[in-house]
Amino acid sequence: MPSAESPGAGSEAAPRCVRCGIGVGGTVHTRTSYTVGHYRLHGGRTVEGTIRRREDEAPLVYRRLVEAIEVVSCPACLAAAEVQALWTTFGEPEPAT
């Protein structure tokens, strides 16, 4: 599936901030600077997986993404302290109470 910034994406809607709902654009580059249009966080539910290439090798343990979630934020919302805290802890398990 092409992203909103890629060619051939005319049929897709422009991304919107999940917090305020404003439509966001891509990053704009000039000769001396740039302006960020939006931030995109990829994550979701994961499960543990292992790979062993050879019998004498220790298994490699990794996290496999099984339910992808994409979160889009405008620069103004990402600057808010509570949004920063959510993005920092995204994907971590809830603490047991």
N, C-alpha and C. Protein backbone atom coordinates (compact mmCIF):
# COMPACT_ATOMS: atom_id res chain seq x y z
N MET A 1 0.84 -1.17 0.00
CA MET A 1 0.00 0.00 0.00
C MET A 1 0.89 1.24 0.00
N PRO A 2 0.75 2.15 -0.97
CA PRO A 2 1.60 3.32 -1.01
C PRO A 2 1.25 4.29 0.10
N SER A 3 2.24 5.05 0.54
CA SER A 3 1.99 6.05 1.57
C SER A 3 1.39 7.28 0.93
N ALA A 4 0.91 8.22 1.75
CA ALA A 4 0.28 9.42 1.24
C ALA A 4 1.27 10.31 0.49
N GLU A 5 2.58 10.14 0.75
CA GLU A 5 3.57 10.96 0.10
C GLU A 5 4.08 10.35 -1.19
N SER A 6 3.78 9.09 -1.46
CA SER A 6 4.36 8.42 -2.62
C SER A 6 3.52 8.64 -3.87
N PRO A 7 4.13 8.51 -5.04
CA PRO A 7 3.38 8.65 -6.28
C PRO A 7 2.30 7.57 -6.38
N GLY A 8 1.21 7.89 -6.98
CA GLY A 8 0.13 6.93 -7.14
C GLY A 8 -0.77 6.84 -5.93
N ALA A 9 -0.63 7.77 -5.01
CA ALA A 9 -1.42 7.72 -3.79
C ALA A 9 -2.63 8.66 -3.88
N GLY A 10 -3.02 9.04 -5.06
CA GLY A 10 -4.11 9.99 -5.23
C GLY A 10 -5.43 9.52 -4.66
N SER A 11 -5.65 8.21 -4.58
CA SER A 11 -6.92 7.70 -4.08
C SER A 11 -6.97 7.66 -2.56
N GLU A 12 -5.82 7.80 -1.90
CA GLU A 12 -5.79 7.75 -0.45
C GLU A 12 -6.04 9.13 0.15
N ALA A 13 -6.67 9.17 1.31
CA ALA A 13 -6.89 10.43 2.01
C ALA A 13 -5.58 10.87 2.65
N ALA A 14 -5.40 12.18 2.77
CA ALA A 14 -4.21 12.71 3.44
C ALA A 14 -4.26 12.31 4.90
N PRO A 15 -3.09 12.06 5.51
CA PRO A 15 -3.09 11.68 6.93
C PRO A 15 -3.60 12.79 7.82
N ARG A 16 -4.19 12.41 8.95
CA ARG A 16 -4.73 13.36 9.92
C ARG A 16 -4.17 13.05 11.29
N CYS A 17 -3.99 14.09 12.09
CA CYS A 17 -3.50 13.93 13.45
C CYS A 17 -4.57 13.18 14.26
N VAL A 18 -4.15 12.16 14.99
CA VAL A 18 -5.11 11.37 15.76
C VAL A 18 -5.62 12.11 16.99
N ARG A 19 -4.93 13.15 17.42
CA ARG A 19 -5.36 13.89 18.61
C ARG A 19 -6.31 15.03 18.27
N CYS A 20 -5.92 15.90 17.32
CA CYS A 20 -6.75 17.07 17.00
C CYS A 20 -7.53 16.94 15.70
N GLY A 21 -7.16 15.96 14.85
CA GLY A 21 -7.89 15.71 13.61
C GLY A 21 -7.49 16.58 12.43
N ILE A 22 -6.52 17.46 12.60
CA ILE A 22 -6.11 18.34 11.50
C ILE A 22 -5.38 17.52 10.43
N GLY A 23 -5.61 17.88 9.16
CA GLY A 23 -4.89 17.23 8.07
C GLY A 23 -3.43 17.67 8.11
N VAL A 24 -2.52 16.75 7.88
CA VAL A 24 -1.09 17.06 7.94
C VAL A 24 -0.45 16.77 6.59
N GLY A 25 0.60 17.52 6.29
CA GLY A 25 1.33 17.33 5.05
C GLY A 25 2.68 16.71 5.32
N GLY A 26 3.49 16.62 4.29
CA GLY A 26 4.83 16.07 4.42
C GLY A 26 5.81 17.13 4.89
N THR A 27 7.03 16.70 5.16
CA THR A 27 8.08 17.62 5.55
C THR A 27 8.50 18.45 4.35
N VAL A 28 8.67 19.75 4.56
CA VAL A 28 9.06 20.67 3.49
C VAL A 28 10.53 21.04 3.68
N HIS A 29 11.34 20.78 2.66
CA HIS A 29 12.77 21.07 2.71
C HIS A 29 13.08 22.30 1.86
N THR A 30 13.91 23.16 2.40
CA THR A 30 14.45 24.28 1.62
C THR A 30 15.95 24.10 1.54
N ARG A 31 16.62 25.03 0.94
CA ARG A 31 18.07 24.94 0.79
C ARG A 31 18.78 24.94 2.14
N THR A 32 18.25 25.66 3.13
CA THR A 32 18.95 25.82 4.40
C THR A 32 18.23 25.26 5.61
N SER A 33 16.99 24.79 5.45
CA SER A 33 16.26 24.29 6.63
C SER A 33 15.15 23.34 6.18
N TYR A 34 14.33 22.95 7.14
CA TYR A 34 13.18 22.11 6.84
C TYR A 34 12.09 22.38 7.88
N THR A 35 10.85 22.07 7.52
CA THR A 35 9.71 22.18 8.43
C THR A 35 9.01 20.84 8.44
N VAL A 36 8.90 20.25 9.63
CA VAL A 36 8.27 18.94 9.77
C VAL A 36 6.76 19.08 9.61
N GLY A 37 6.18 18.26 8.73
CA GLY A 37 4.74 18.29 8.49
C GLY A 37 3.97 17.42 9.47
N HIS A 38 4.52 16.25 9.80
CA HIS A 38 3.88 15.36 10.76
C HIS A 38 4.87 14.30 11.23
N TYR A 39 4.50 13.64 12.31
CA TYR A 39 5.28 12.53 12.86
C TYR A 39 4.44 11.28 12.75
N ARG A 40 5.08 10.17 12.43
CA ARG A 40 4.37 8.90 12.24
C ARG A 40 5.04 7.84 13.11
N LEU A 41 4.25 7.21 13.96
CA LEU A 41 4.74 6.17 14.85
C LEU A 41 4.17 4.84 14.39
N HIS A 42 5.05 3.88 14.14
CA HIS A 42 4.64 2.54 13.75
C HIS A 42 4.82 1.63 14.95
N GLY A 43 3.83 0.86 15.25
CA GLY A 43 3.94 -0.06 16.39
C GLY A 43 2.76 -1.00 16.40
N GLY A 44 2.46 -1.55 17.55
CA GLY A 44 1.35 -2.46 17.70
C GLY A 44 1.70 -3.64 18.56
N ARG A 45 0.81 -4.62 18.56
CA ARG A 45 0.99 -5.81 19.39
C ARG A 45 2.08 -6.69 18.79
N THR A 46 2.94 -7.19 19.66
CA THR A 46 4.04 -8.05 19.23
C THR A 46 4.02 -9.37 19.99
N VAL A 47 4.68 -10.35 19.44
CA VAL A 47 4.89 -11.63 20.12
C VAL A 47 6.38 -11.96 20.03
N GLU A 48 6.84 -12.77 20.96
CA GLU A 48 8.24 -13.16 20.95
C GLU A 48 8.46 -14.26 19.92
N GLY A 49 9.55 -14.15 19.19
CA GLY A 49 9.92 -15.17 18.21
C GLY A 49 11.38 -15.52 18.39
N THR A 50 11.78 -16.66 17.87
CA THR A 50 13.19 -17.06 17.93
C THR A 50 13.63 -17.59 16.57
N ILE A 51 14.91 -17.39 16.29
CA ILE A 51 15.52 -17.90 15.06
C ILE A 51 16.80 -18.61 15.47
N ARG A 52 17.03 -19.75 14.89
CA ARG A 52 18.29 -20.47 15.08
C ARG A 52 18.74 -20.91 13.69
N ARG A 53 19.83 -20.31 13.22
CA ARG A 53 20.30 -20.61 11.87
C ARG A 53 21.04 -21.94 11.80
N ARG A 54 21.78 -22.27 12.87
CA ARG A 54 22.51 -23.53 12.92
C ARG A 54 22.27 -24.17 14.28
N GLU A 55 22.43 -25.46 14.35
CA GLU A 55 22.20 -26.20 15.59
C GLU A 55 23.14 -25.77 16.71
N ASP A 56 24.38 -25.43 16.38
CA ASP A 56 25.37 -25.07 17.40
C ASP A 56 25.31 -23.60 17.79
N GLU A 57 24.37 -22.85 17.24
CA GLU A 57 24.25 -21.42 17.49
C GLU A 57 23.16 -21.16 18.53
N ALA A 58 23.38 -20.17 19.40
CA ALA A 58 22.35 -19.79 20.37
C ALA A 58 21.18 -19.17 19.61
N PRO A 59 19.95 -19.40 20.09
CA PRO A 59 18.80 -18.82 19.38
C PRO A 59 18.78 -17.29 19.51
N LEU A 60 18.33 -16.62 18.46
CA LEU A 60 18.17 -15.18 18.45
C LEU A 60 16.71 -14.89 18.79
N VAL A 61 16.49 -14.15 19.86
CA VAL A 61 15.14 -13.82 20.31
C VAL A 61 14.80 -12.41 19.82
N TYR A 62 13.62 -12.25 19.25
CA TYR A 62 13.20 -10.95 18.72
C TYR A 62 11.71 -10.77 18.96
N ARG A 63 11.18 -9.56 18.71
CA ARG A 63 9.76 -9.26 18.82
C ARG A 63 9.20 -9.15 17.41
N ARG A 64 8.14 -9.90 17.12
CA ARG A 64 7.51 -9.90 15.79
C ARG A 64 6.20 -9.12 15.88
N LEU A 65 6.00 -8.17 14.98
CA LEU A 65 4.80 -7.35 14.94
C LEU A 65 3.66 -8.18 14.35
N VAL A 66 2.55 -8.35 15.10
CA VAL A 66 1.44 -9.15 14.60
C VAL A 66 0.19 -8.31 14.32
N GLU A 67 0.04 -7.17 14.98
CA GLU A 67 -1.08 -6.26 14.71
C GLU A 67 -0.51 -4.85 14.59
N ALA A 68 -0.32 -4.40 13.35
CA ALA A 68 0.30 -3.09 13.11
C ALA A 68 -0.67 -1.95 13.41
N ILE A 69 -0.15 -0.92 14.05
CA ILE A 69 -0.89 0.30 14.34
C ILE A 69 -0.02 1.46 13.90
N GLU A 70 -0.61 2.42 13.20
CA GLU A 70 0.12 3.60 12.78
C GLU A 70 -0.54 4.82 13.41
N VAL A 71 0.23 5.62 14.13
CA VAL A 71 -0.27 6.81 14.80
C VAL A 71 0.38 8.02 14.14
N VAL A 72 -0.44 9.00 13.74
CA VAL A 72 0.05 10.22 13.10
C VAL A 72 -0.22 11.38 14.04
N SER A 73 0.77 12.26 14.19
CA SER A 73 0.62 13.43 15.05
C SER A 73 1.14 14.66 14.34
N CYS A 74 0.44 15.79 14.52
CA CYS A 74 0.93 17.06 14.00
C CYS A 74 2.00 17.57 14.97
N PRO A 75 2.88 18.46 14.52
CA PRO A 75 3.93 18.96 15.41
C PRO A 75 3.39 19.65 16.66
N ALA A 76 2.27 20.35 16.56
CA ALA A 76 1.71 21.04 17.73
C ALA A 76 1.27 20.06 18.81
N CYS A 77 0.59 18.98 18.41
CA CYS A 77 0.14 17.99 19.40
C CYS A 77 1.31 17.21 19.98
N LEU A 78 2.32 16.92 19.17
CA LEU A 78 3.47 16.17 19.67
C LEU A 78 4.24 16.97 20.72
N ALA A 79 4.15 18.28 20.68
CA ALA A 79 4.84 19.13 21.65
C ALA A 79 4.19 19.06 23.04
N ALA A 80 2.94 18.60 23.14
CA ALA A 80 2.25 18.51 24.43
C ALA A 80 2.90 17.43 25.30
N ALA A 81 3.07 17.71 26.58
CA ALA A 81 3.76 16.80 27.51
C ALA A 81 3.08 15.44 27.60
N GLU A 82 1.74 15.41 27.63
CA GLU A 82 1.05 14.12 27.76
C GLU A 82 1.20 13.26 26.51
N VAL A 83 1.29 13.89 25.35
CA VAL A 83 1.50 13.15 24.10
C VAL A 83 2.93 12.62 24.07
N GLN A 84 3.90 13.41 24.50
CA GLN A 84 5.28 12.96 24.57
C GLN A 84 5.39 11.72 25.47
N ALA A 85 4.69 11.73 26.61
CA ALA A 85 4.72 10.59 27.52
C ALA A 85 4.11 9.35 26.88
N LEU A 86 3.01 9.52 26.14
CA LEU A 86 2.38 8.39 25.45
C LEU A 86 3.31 7.81 24.39
N TRP A 87 3.96 8.66 23.61
CA TRP A 87 4.85 8.18 22.56
C TRP A 87 6.07 7.49 23.13
N THR A 88 6.56 7.97 24.28
CA THR A 88 7.73 7.36 24.91
C THR A 88 7.44 5.95 25.39
N THR A 89 6.22 5.71 25.87
CA THR A 89 5.87 4.40 26.43
C THR A 89 5.07 3.54 25.47
N PHE A 90 4.88 3.96 24.21
CA PHE A 90 4.07 3.22 23.26
C PHE A 90 4.61 1.80 23.07
N GLY A 91 3.73 0.84 23.22
CA GLY A 91 4.09 -0.55 23.01
C GLY A 91 4.60 -1.27 24.23
N GLU A 92 4.88 -0.54 25.31
CA GLU A 92 5.34 -1.20 26.53
C GLU A 92 4.15 -1.79 27.26
N PRO A 93 4.34 -2.92 27.94
CA PRO A 93 3.22 -3.52 28.66
C PRO A 93 2.75 -2.63 29.81
N GLU A 94 1.46 -2.72 30.09
CA GLU A 94 0.89 -1.97 31.22
C GLU A 94 1.48 -2.51 32.52
N PRO A 95 1.83 -1.62 33.47
CA PRO A 95 2.34 -2.13 34.74
C PRO A 95 1.26 -2.85 35.54
N ALA A 96 1.64 -3.93 36.19
CA ALA A 96 0.69 -4.70 37.00
C ALA A 96 0.36 -3.92 38.26
N THR A 97 -0.91 -3.92 38.64
CA THR A 97 -1.32 -3.21 39.87
C THR A 97 -1.78 -4.17 40.92
